[in-house]
Amino acid sequence: MSSRCFADINDSSDLSLTQLQNISATLVNEVQLGNISQVVNLTVSGVAVVEPLPSPGTNEWNATTTDSPYTTIVEASRMRFNPAPEPQHEGVVFKTQPKIQVLDAQGQPITQLGTASQPWQITASLRPGGSNALANLTGNLTIEFVNGWANFTDLLITQFGSDFYIDFVLTSPSDKNFSISSDPLTVTGRPITASVASMTSTVIENNYFAINVELRDEVTSELIPDIAWRGHTWTMTAELDKPEHHTGEMTGSNETIFSTSTSSANFYSLNFTSLGIYALKLHIYTTPSAYDFYKDVQVAVRSQSQTNIVIQQTTLVEMKFESDFNTVVGSDNKSFAIMMGNYFAAKYPDVLVNSVTVTEGSIVVTYSISGGISGVNTTVYGMCDTIQNNTGFTFNSQTISLSGYLTVGGVSYYGVSCGPISTTSSDESSTNLALIISLAVVSTLLVCLIVAIVLWKCKVYPKTKTRDLNNYANYIGNPNTIEDILFREQSFMSIRDKSAGLPQAPAATTISNYNTHGRASPLPFYTQKMKQ
C-alpha cells in the first residue's frame, strides 16, 4: 500500500463514496493476500473493517441491515477445486464445470473475498503446449467470487487433443502467485451424426422426393454451429441399401454438399419407380478425411392409385420367426425389414404399409398399416394365411418360416386359426372380467325367475284355476279342515291319491246343475244366471 494511500486516509477533507470503497478494498485485499504486515511494518494478527455506507436512498442503502457493521478479514492461504474441470469432447461445454474455493491456513473456506463493492475475480486460460496448437479455451473466462465460490458455467475446448492444462489465476486484485491449475486434460473428437430435419410426407412413385439432413452432436443432439471448425468440407450421397430387396429403383441426383451457414444438406429430385418400402442409405463424409458415417432412412412409397385410399384405421401388426436373430439378420435388420415390408406391400395394395421394424426376440417384425376397415381386415387375414401356409422367406442364404404368432393392435388376434397364439395378460384379465359379469347377470336372472315362479304358484294360479262346483257344494256349510282343503286342491300341493293315473283334461263346469240348497251362491255370476 502506497504512502499516498495512507495520506488519503489521514486527509480530513471529504472523500467520495468511490474513493472510500477503493481504500476499503485495498486494505482488505492486502490483509487477505498476507501483505498488510509488510505494508505497515508491523505484525498484524487480525483486522476487522467497516465498509463505507452507500448513499441514502439507493438500492444498496435500502439493503443495509442493522447487523454489526464490522467484518473480520481472514488471510487466504490456498485455492481448491470443488469439483475439478472434466471435459466432454471438443466444441461442447465441459461435463463438469470447475468450482473454486479459497481456504485459510486451517483449511477452512473463506466466504468473504474482497469487499461487497469490489469482490475478488479469477480468470481461466489454456496453457500453451498441448498436443493441438489450434485448440482454444472459450466461454466466460473471468468470474467473481460470490460467498466464497467462483463457479464457472460454460468452459469448453474447441478442438480435440491431450495434455491440456487450464490455469486459474487471481486477476482482481492482481496476484499471479495466487492461482490453481487443472490436471492434464484429454479432449476427444466431437461425435457427429446426421438427423433428418424434414422430408416429403407423402411419397408417390415416379414423383420427386425431397429430404433435408442436418449435422448434430451425437451426445447432446445440438446442431453443429460451425461444421468447418477444422476446415472440412462435408459431402452426402444417397443410394439404396441392398437393391435386390426392393420392388423398384431410385433415380435422380444423389450427391450434395452441406452448407456451412445452416449445417444442413438437401436432396430435391430423388425418384422411386414403384410402390414399396425403400431403405435409403445416406453416406456422409469429410474432405480432408476425418468423418465417415451413414444414416439410414426408411421411405414408404405409394402407388398413384393408393392416393385415393381413405384412412379409417391404422394399426400395428406383429409377426415372429422362431429363429436366431444374430444368425439370420445380424446387423442387416433394416434390409430384412425392407424385404418383409415389400412382400406384403405388393401383395395387399389396398392398404398402406407405413413402416416396418425388426427387433430381437427371436425375430419380431412389426408393421404399421393404414387403410379402410375392410382393407385392413383383409390384410390381417392374409397375413394369418401366410402363417398357416408356412410361407418361407430367404435372407442371407437362409430360409425361415413364420411361427404361429400374430398380434393386432397389441393384442392377440383370434379372427382365424393361426396355430398357437399367445394370450397377453390384458386379454386374460379382460376375459375374466367378462366371465364374472356374465355369471353375475345370469345369476340375477335366475333369482328373478325363481321368485316369479313362486309368486305365480302361490298368488296367481290359485285364483285362476277351475274348480268342480258340485264337489265344492258338498262342503258348503261344513267345517273345512286343512286335510279337506288340500284334498280338494287340484295342484301339485294336493294330497289326493297320486296313483289315479295321469291327469285328465278338466271337465266343463255345469253351473246350471249346481245345487245351492236354498242358499245364496258364493259365485256372483251364478246368482245373475239364476235370476234370468
Foldseek 3Di string as FASTA:
>chain_A
DDVVLVVVVPDPDDDDLVNQLVSQLVVLQCVQQVNPCVVVVHDDPWDKDARDQDDPPDPSNVPDDPPDRIDIRAHWDAKDWPDAWAADAAPFFTPDWTKMFTAGPVRHTDQAAGDPVQAWKKFKFKDPDWPDNLKGWDDPGMDGRHRRMDTGDGIGIHHFTWQIKMKIATVVVHDRVHIDMGGIYGHHHFDKDKDWPDWDPAAAAPFFIKTKIAIAGPPPRHGDLFPCSVPKWKKKFKAFDPCVLAPWGKDDDGIWTADRHGRMTMDTGIHTHAFAKTWMKMWMAIPVGDDTDIDTDIDGYAYPVQVPFDWPDKKKKKWDFPDACCVFCNPNQVSVQRNVGRVLCVVQVQKGFGGWGWDPPPTMIMTIITGDPVSVVVSLVVVLVQLVVQDWDAGPNDITGIHLEMDMRPAGDDPDRNDDYDGDPVNVVVVVVVVVVVVVVVVVVVVVVVVVVVCCVPPPVVVPDDAALQVVLVCVVPDDDPLNVLCRDPDPSRPPDPPPDDDDDDDDHDLVPRDNVPDDDPDVVSVVVVVD
